């Protein structure tokens, strides 16, 4: 009888140890997933892109000037270069991630411009607007 009760106590201790080890592994895996998840969620990516994509298509100069201000504001507030946006005007570099002011004087308010975007596909910038192309019509 004593041997049976000792066997049950030992079996219970083994099951309890297995349960504690399993719980530790589960917590570790969840914590590792959070640490490794540097990428933006789809909602964050969409919110980031919406700041710029609302200006897509044929736009008047005043709207393009507003876009340049939005790009400048974004670039100044971002620490990560992968989230900074570059602007080209008629195929030439116009604003880069180091710009501290928007050169709106080069955009004529009465003119019409075609605005298009390219999206990053490498590094941490996957799916984010990384270049805005402005072409005067």
N, C-alpha and C. Protein backbone atom coordinates (compact mmCIF):
# COMPACT_ATOMS: atom_id res chain seq x y z
N UNK A 1 0.81 -1.18 0.00
CA UNK A 1 0.00 0.00 0.00
C UNK A 1 0.87 1.26 0.00
N UNK A 2 1.93 1.23 0.82
CA UNK A 2 2.82 2.37 0.86
C UNK A 2 3.50 2.60 -0.49
N UNK A 3 3.87 1.53 -1.17
CA UNK A 3 4.51 1.66 -2.47
C UNK A 3 3.57 2.28 -3.50
N UNK A 4 2.30 1.95 -3.45
CA UNK A 4 1.33 2.49 -4.39
C UNK A 4 1.14 3.99 -4.17
N UNK A 5 1.08 4.42 -2.93
CA UNK A 5 0.89 5.85 -2.66
C UNK A 5 2.15 6.63 -3.05
N UNK A 6 3.34 6.07 -2.82
CA UNK A 6 4.56 6.73 -3.25
C UNK A 6 4.63 6.82 -4.77
N UNK A 7 4.18 5.78 -5.45
CA UNK A 7 4.17 5.79 -6.92
C UNK A 7 3.23 6.88 -7.44
N UNK A 8 2.07 7.03 -6.80
CA UNK A 8 1.13 8.08 -7.22
C UNK A 8 1.71 9.48 -6.97
N UNK A 9 2.40 9.66 -5.86
CA UNK A 9 3.02 10.95 -5.57
C UNK A 9 4.11 11.27 -6.59
N UNK A 10 4.91 10.27 -6.92
CA UNK A 10 5.97 10.47 -7.92
C UNK A 10 5.36 10.78 -9.29
N UNK A 11 4.32 10.05 -9.68
CA UNK A 11 3.66 10.29 -10.97
C UNK A 11 3.07 11.70 -11.02
N UNK A 12 2.47 12.13 -9.92
CA UNK A 12 1.91 13.48 -9.86
C UNK A 12 2.98 14.54 -9.97
N UNK A 13 4.13 14.32 -9.32
CA UNK A 13 5.23 15.26 -9.39
C UNK A 13 5.78 15.34 -10.81
N UNK A 14 5.87 14.21 -11.50
CA UNK A 14 6.35 14.19 -12.88
C UNK A 14 5.38 14.95 -13.79
N UNK A 15 4.10 14.72 -13.64
CA UNK A 15 3.10 15.43 -14.45
C UNK A 15 3.15 16.93 -14.18
N UNK A 16 3.32 17.31 -12.93
CA UNK A 16 3.40 18.72 -12.58
C UNK A 16 4.66 19.36 -13.20
N UNK A 17 5.77 18.64 -13.17
CA UNK A 17 7.00 19.14 -13.77
C UNK A 17 6.83 19.32 -15.28
N UNK A 18 6.20 18.37 -15.95
CA UNK A 18 5.95 18.46 -17.39
C UNK A 18 5.06 19.66 -17.70
N UNK A 19 4.05 19.88 -16.88
CA UNK A 19 3.14 21.02 -17.07
C UNK A 19 3.90 22.34 -16.92
N UNK A 20 4.76 22.47 -15.92
CA UNK A 20 5.51 23.70 -15.71
C UNK A 20 6.49 23.95 -16.86
N UNK A 21 7.17 22.91 -17.32
CA UNK A 21 8.10 23.05 -18.44
C UNK A 21 7.35 23.47 -19.70
N UNK A 22 6.20 22.85 -19.97
CA UNK A 22 5.40 23.20 -21.15
C UNK A 22 4.94 24.65 -21.09
N UNK A 23 4.51 25.07 -19.93
CA UNK A 23 4.07 26.46 -19.76
C UNK A 23 5.24 27.43 -20.00
N UNK A 24 6.42 27.11 -19.52
CA UNK A 24 7.60 27.93 -19.74
C UNK A 24 7.95 28.04 -21.22
N UNK A 25 7.88 26.95 -21.94
CA UNK A 25 8.16 26.95 -23.37
C UNK A 25 7.12 27.79 -24.12
N UNK A 26 5.85 27.67 -23.75
CA UNK A 26 4.79 28.45 -24.38
C UNK A 26 5.02 29.95 -24.17
N UNK A 27 5.34 30.35 -22.97
CA UNK A 27 5.59 31.77 -22.69
C UNK A 27 6.81 32.27 -23.45
N UNK A 28 7.86 31.47 -23.50
CA UNK A 28 9.07 31.85 -24.23
C UNK A 28 8.76 32.06 -25.71
N UNK A 29 8.03 31.14 -26.33
CA UNK A 29 7.70 31.26 -27.75
C UNK A 29 6.86 32.49 -28.04
N UNK A 30 5.93 32.81 -27.17
CA UNK A 30 5.12 34.01 -27.38
C UNK A 30 5.96 35.28 -27.24
N UNK A 31 6.85 35.30 -26.28
CA UNK A 31 7.71 36.47 -26.09
C UNK A 31 8.67 36.63 -27.26
N UNK A 32 9.20 35.54 -27.76
CA UNK A 32 10.11 35.60 -28.91
C UNK A 32 9.37 36.12 -30.14
N UNK A 33 8.11 35.75 -30.31
CA UNK A 33 7.31 36.23 -31.44
C UNK A 33 7.10 37.73 -31.39
N UNK A 34 6.89 38.27 -30.21
CA UNK A 34 6.69 39.71 -30.06
C UNK A 34 7.99 40.45 -30.34
N UNK A 35 9.10 39.95 -29.86
CA UNK A 35 10.40 40.60 -30.07
C UNK A 35 10.77 40.58 -31.54
N UNK A 36 10.49 39.51 -32.24
CA UNK A 36 10.88 39.38 -33.65
C UNK A 36 9.90 40.06 -34.60
N UNK A 37 8.79 40.56 -34.12
CA UNK A 37 7.78 41.14 -34.98
C UNK A 37 8.03 42.63 -35.16
N UNK A 38 9.04 42.99 -35.97
CA UNK A 38 9.36 44.39 -36.24
C UNK A 38 8.51 44.94 -37.37
N UNK A 39 7.92 44.07 -38.15
CA UNK A 39 7.16 44.50 -39.32
C UNK A 39 5.86 45.18 -38.90
N UNK A 40 5.37 46.03 -39.79
CA UNK A 40 4.11 46.73 -39.53
C UNK A 40 2.95 45.79 -39.86
N UNK A 41 1.87 45.96 -39.15
CA UNK A 41 0.67 45.21 -39.49
C UNK A 41 0.05 45.82 -40.74
N UNK A 42 -0.89 45.12 -41.33
CA UNK A 42 -1.55 45.63 -42.54
C UNK A 42 -2.25 46.96 -42.27
N UNK A 43 -2.85 47.11 -41.11
CA UNK A 43 -3.55 48.35 -40.78
C UNK A 43 -2.56 49.51 -40.64
N UNK A 44 -1.42 49.26 -39.98
CA UNK A 44 -0.41 50.31 -39.84
C UNK A 44 0.15 50.71 -41.20
N UNK A 45 0.38 49.72 -42.05
CA UNK A 45 0.90 49.98 -43.40
C UNK A 45 -0.11 50.81 -44.19
N UNK A 46 -1.38 50.45 -44.09
CA UNK A 46 -2.42 51.19 -44.82
C UNK A 46 -2.54 52.62 -44.31
N UNK A 47 -2.47 52.81 -43.00
CA UNK A 47 -2.54 54.16 -42.43
C UNK A 47 -1.35 55.01 -42.88
N UNK A 48 -0.16 54.41 -42.90
CA UNK A 48 1.02 55.13 -43.36
C UNK A 48 0.85 55.55 -44.81
N UNK A 49 0.45 54.63 -45.67
CA UNK A 49 0.33 54.91 -47.11
C UNK A 49 -0.79 55.91 -47.41
N UNK A 50 -1.86 55.89 -46.63
CA UNK A 50 -3.00 56.78 -46.88
C UNK A 50 -2.61 58.25 -46.78
N UNK A 51 -1.60 58.55 -45.96
CA UNK A 51 -1.15 59.94 -45.84
C UNK A 51 -0.72 60.49 -47.20
N UNK A 52 -0.28 59.61 -48.10
CA UNK A 52 0.25 60.04 -49.39
C UNK A 52 -0.64 59.64 -50.56
N UNK A 53 -1.22 58.46 -50.51
CA UNK A 53 -1.97 57.96 -51.67
C UNK A 53 -3.23 58.76 -51.95
N UNK A 54 -3.68 59.55 -51.00
CA UNK A 54 -4.85 60.40 -51.26
C UNK A 54 -4.54 61.46 -52.32
N UNK A 55 -3.25 61.69 -52.59
CA UNK A 55 -2.83 62.68 -53.58
C UNK A 55 -2.54 62.05 -54.95
N UNK A 56 -2.79 60.77 -55.09
CA UNK A 56 -2.44 60.06 -56.33
C UNK A 56 -3.29 60.53 -57.51
N UNK A 57 -2.68 60.55 -58.69
CA UNK A 57 -3.39 60.93 -59.90
C UNK A 57 -3.06 62.34 -60.35
N UNK A 58 -3.93 62.91 -61.16
CA UNK A 58 -3.72 64.26 -61.68
C UNK A 58 -4.15 65.26 -60.62
N UNK A 59 -3.23 66.17 -60.27
CA UNK A 59 -3.48 67.12 -59.19
C UNK A 59 -3.06 68.52 -59.61
N UNK A 60 -3.69 69.51 -59.02
CA UNK A 60 -3.29 70.92 -59.21
C UNK A 60 -2.07 71.21 -58.35
N UNK A 61 -1.38 72.28 -58.65
CA UNK A 61 -0.16 72.64 -57.94
C UNK A 61 -0.36 72.84 -56.45
N UNK A 62 -1.49 73.42 -56.05
CA UNK A 62 -1.74 73.65 -54.62
C UNK A 62 -1.84 72.32 -53.86
N UNK A 63 -2.45 71.33 -54.50
CA UNK A 63 -2.56 70.01 -53.87
C UNK A 63 -1.18 69.35 -53.77
N UNK A 64 -0.36 69.51 -54.79
CA UNK A 64 1.00 68.95 -54.77
C UNK A 64 1.82 69.60 -53.67
N UNK A 65 1.62 70.90 -53.47
CA UNK A 65 2.32 71.58 -52.38
C UNK A 65 1.92 71.00 -51.03
N UNK A 66 0.64 70.68 -50.88
CA UNK A 66 0.18 70.05 -49.64
C UNK A 66 0.83 68.68 -49.47
N UNK A 67 0.96 67.94 -50.55
CA UNK A 67 1.63 66.64 -50.51
C UNK A 67 3.08 66.80 -50.05
N UNK A 68 3.78 67.79 -50.56
CA UNK A 68 5.17 68.01 -50.16
C UNK A 68 5.27 68.32 -48.67
N UNK A 69 4.31 69.09 -48.15
CA UNK A 69 4.31 69.38 -46.72
C UNK A 69 4.06 68.10 -45.91
N UNK A 70 3.18 67.23 -46.40
CA UNK A 70 2.91 65.95 -45.72
C UNK A 70 4.16 65.07 -45.72
N UNK A 71 4.89 65.05 -46.84
CA UNK A 71 6.12 64.27 -46.93
C UNK A 71 7.16 64.82 -45.96
N UNK A 72 7.31 66.13 -45.94
CA UNK A 72 8.28 66.74 -45.03
C UNK A 72 7.94 66.42 -43.58
N UNK A 73 6.68 66.56 -43.22
CA UNK A 73 6.24 66.27 -41.87
C UNK A 73 6.54 64.81 -41.51
N UNK A 74 6.27 63.89 -42.43
CA UNK A 74 6.55 62.48 -42.20
C UNK A 74 8.04 62.26 -42.00
N UNK A 75 8.85 62.78 -42.91
CA UNK A 75 10.29 62.54 -42.86
C UNK A 75 10.93 63.10 -41.60
N UNK A 76 10.45 64.25 -41.14
CA UNK A 76 11.02 64.84 -39.93
C UNK A 76 10.61 64.07 -38.68
N UNK A 77 9.47 63.39 -38.72
CA UNK A 77 8.98 62.67 -37.53
C UNK A 77 9.46 61.22 -37.47
N UNK A 78 10.06 60.71 -38.54
CA UNK A 78 10.50 59.31 -38.57
C UNK A 78 11.97 59.19 -38.20
N UNK A 79 12.27 58.25 -37.32
CA UNK A 79 13.66 57.95 -36.99
C UNK A 79 14.21 56.89 -37.93
N UNK A 80 13.32 56.05 -38.43
CA UNK A 80 13.72 54.92 -39.29
C UNK A 80 13.76 55.38 -40.75
N UNK A 81 14.92 55.28 -41.39
CA UNK A 81 15.04 55.71 -42.79
C UNK A 81 14.16 54.90 -43.73
N UNK A 82 13.77 53.68 -43.33
CA UNK A 82 12.90 52.86 -44.17
C UNK A 82 11.51 53.47 -44.30
N UNK A 83 11.15 54.35 -43.39
CA UNK A 83 9.82 54.97 -43.43
C UNK A 83 9.85 56.40 -43.95
N UNK A 84 11.00 56.83 -44.41
CA UNK A 84 11.10 58.17 -45.00
C UNK A 84 10.83 58.07 -46.49
N UNK A 85 10.25 59.12 -47.06
CA UNK A 85 9.80 59.13 -48.45
C UNK A 85 10.65 60.09 -49.26
N UNK A 86 11.00 59.67 -50.48
CA UNK A 86 11.78 60.49 -51.41
C UNK A 86 10.83 60.99 -52.50
N UNK A 87 11.02 62.23 -52.94
CA UNK A 87 10.18 62.81 -53.99
C UNK A 87 11.05 63.16 -55.19
N UNK A 88 10.57 62.79 -56.38
CA UNK A 88 11.25 63.20 -57.62
C UNK A 88 10.29 64.09 -58.40
N UNK A 89 10.84 65.11 -59.06
CA UNK A 89 10.06 66.02 -59.90
C UNK A 89 10.61 65.93 -61.31
N UNK A 90 9.80 65.51 -62.24
CA UNK A 90 10.19 65.34 -63.63
C UNK A 90 11.46 64.49 -63.76
N UNK A 91 11.53 63.43 -62.97
CA UNK A 91 12.63 62.48 -63.04
C UNK A 91 13.89 62.87 -62.30
N UNK A 92 13.91 64.03 -61.66
CA UNK A 92 15.09 64.48 -60.93
C UNK A 92 14.80 64.47 -59.43
N UNK A 93 15.84 64.20 -58.65
CA UNK A 93 15.68 64.20 -57.21
C UNK A 93 15.20 65.58 -56.76
N UNK A 94 14.18 65.59 -55.94
CA UNK A 94 13.54 66.84 -55.54
C UNK A 94 13.60 67.01 -54.02
N UNK A 95 13.19 65.97 -53.32
CA UNK A 95 13.24 65.95 -51.85
C UNK A 95 13.74 64.57 -51.45
N UNK A 96 14.71 64.52 -50.55
CA UNK A 96 15.14 63.22 -50.06
C UNK A 96 14.88 63.13 -48.56
N UNK A 97 15.33 62.03 -47.96
CA UNK A 97 15.03 61.82 -46.54
C UNK A 97 15.77 62.79 -45.63
N UNK A 98 16.73 63.54 -46.15
CA UNK A 98 17.48 64.50 -45.34
C UNK A 98 16.96 65.92 -45.46
N UNK A 99 15.98 66.16 -46.32
CA UNK A 99 15.45 67.52 -46.54
C UNK A 99 14.81 68.05 -45.26
N UNK A 100 15.07 69.31 -44.99
CA UNK A 100 14.49 69.94 -43.80
C UNK A 100 13.44 70.99 -44.16
N UNK A 101 13.21 71.18 -45.46
CA UNK A 101 12.14 72.08 -45.90
C UNK A 101 11.59 71.57 -47.23
N UNK A 102 10.34 71.89 -47.48
CA UNK A 102 9.70 71.47 -48.72
C UNK A 102 9.89 72.56 -49.76
N UNK A 103 10.55 72.27 -50.87
CA UNK A 103 10.79 73.30 -51.90
C UNK A 103 9.53 73.57 -52.73
N UNK A 104 8.52 74.13 -52.07
CA UNK A 104 7.24 74.37 -52.74
C UNK A 104 7.32 75.47 -53.80
N UNK A 105 8.37 76.28 -53.78
CA UNK A 105 8.49 77.36 -54.75
C UNK A 105 8.70 76.81 -56.17
N UNK A 106 9.10 75.57 -56.30
CA UNK A 106 9.32 74.96 -57.62
C UNK A 106 8.02 74.38 -58.19
N UNK A 107 6.95 74.40 -57.40
CA UNK A 107 5.65 73.89 -57.83
C UNK A 107 4.75 75.08 -58.13
N UNK A 108 4.33 75.19 -59.38
CA UNK A 108 3.45 76.28 -59.80
C UNK A 108 2.02 75.96 -59.38
N UNK A 109 1.36 76.88 -58.70
CA UNK A 109 0.02 76.61 -58.18
C UNK A 109 -1.00 76.41 -59.28
N UNK A 110 -0.82 77.03 -60.42
CA UNK A 110 -1.79 76.90 -61.50
C UNK A 110 -1.54 75.72 -62.42
N UNK A 111 -0.39 75.07 -62.29
CA UNK A 111 -0.05 73.97 -63.19
C UNK A 111 -0.72 72.67 -62.75
N UNK A 112 -0.71 71.70 -63.64
CA UNK A 112 -1.26 70.38 -63.37
C UNK A 112 -0.11 69.37 -63.32
N UNK A 113 -0.17 68.45 -62.36
CA UNK A 113 0.89 67.47 -62.16
C UNK A 113 0.28 66.08 -62.08
N UNK A 114 1.06 65.10 -62.48
CA UNK A 114 0.68 63.69 -62.34
C UNK A 114 1.51 63.12 -61.19
N UNK A 115 0.83 62.58 -60.18
CA UNK A 115 1.49 62.05 -58.99
C UNK A 115 1.33 60.53 -58.97
N UNK A 116 2.47 59.82 -58.83
CA UNK A 116 2.42 58.36 -58.72
C UNK A 116 3.40 57.91 -57.64
N UNK A 117 3.30 56.66 -57.24
CA UNK A 117 4.07 56.14 -56.12
C UNK A 117 4.77 54.85 -56.47
N UNK A 118 5.89 54.62 -55.81
CA UNK A 118 6.52 53.29 -55.83
C UNK A 118 6.58 52.83 -54.38
N UNK A 119 6.46 51.54 -54.21
CA UNK A 119 6.41 50.95 -52.88
C UNK A 119 7.65 50.12 -52.64
N UNK A 120 8.20 50.20 -51.44
CA UNK A 120 9.39 49.44 -51.09
C UNK A 120 9.12 47.95 -51.10
N UNK A 121 10.12 47.20 -51.50
CA UNK A 121 9.94 45.74 -51.55
C UNK A 121 11.08 45.00 -50.86
N UNK A 122 11.96 45.72 -50.18
CA UNK A 122 13.05 45.05 -49.49
C UNK A 122 13.25 45.68 -48.12
N UNK A 123 13.92 44.98 -47.27
CA UNK A 123 14.20 45.49 -45.92
C UNK A 123 12.91 45.64 -45.12
N UNK A 124 12.87 46.62 -44.24
CA UNK A 124 11.71 46.83 -43.40
C UNK A 124 10.63 47.66 -44.06
N UNK A 125 10.86 48.09 -45.30
CA UNK A 125 9.95 49.00 -45.99
C UNK A 125 8.99 48.28 -46.92
N UNK A 126 8.77 47.01 -46.74
CA UNK A 126 7.92 46.25 -47.63
C UNK A 126 6.50 46.79 -47.63
N UNK A 127 6.05 47.21 -48.80
CA UNK A 127 4.68 47.68 -48.96
C UNK A 127 4.44 49.13 -48.58
N UNK A 128 5.45 49.84 -48.12
CA UNK A 128 5.27 51.25 -47.77
C UNK A 128 5.67 52.13 -48.94
N UNK A 129 5.00 53.28 -49.07
CA UNK A 129 5.38 54.25 -50.09
C UNK A 129 6.82 54.66 -49.79
N UNK A 130 7.71 54.53 -50.79
CA UNK A 130 9.08 54.99 -50.56
C UNK A 130 9.52 56.06 -51.54
N UNK A 131 8.85 56.16 -52.69
CA UNK A 131 9.17 57.22 -53.66
C UNK A 131 7.89 57.78 -54.23
N UNK A 132 7.81 59.10 -54.31
CA UNK A 132 6.68 59.78 -54.95
C UNK A 132 7.22 60.45 -56.20
N UNK A 133 6.62 60.14 -57.34
CA UNK A 133 7.03 60.71 -58.62
C UNK A 133 6.03 61.77 -59.03
N UNK A 134 6.51 62.98 -59.26
CA UNK A 134 5.66 64.09 -59.68
C UNK A 134 6.14 64.51 -61.07
N UNK A 135 5.23 64.53 -62.02
CA UNK A 135 5.55 64.92 -63.38
C UNK A 135 4.62 66.05 -63.79
N UNK A 136 5.21 67.17 -64.25
CA UNK A 136 4.41 68.30 -64.70
C UNK A 136 3.80 67.97 -66.05
N UNK A 137 2.49 68.24 -66.17
CA UNK A 137 1.79 67.95 -67.44
C UNK A 137 1.81 69.14 -68.34
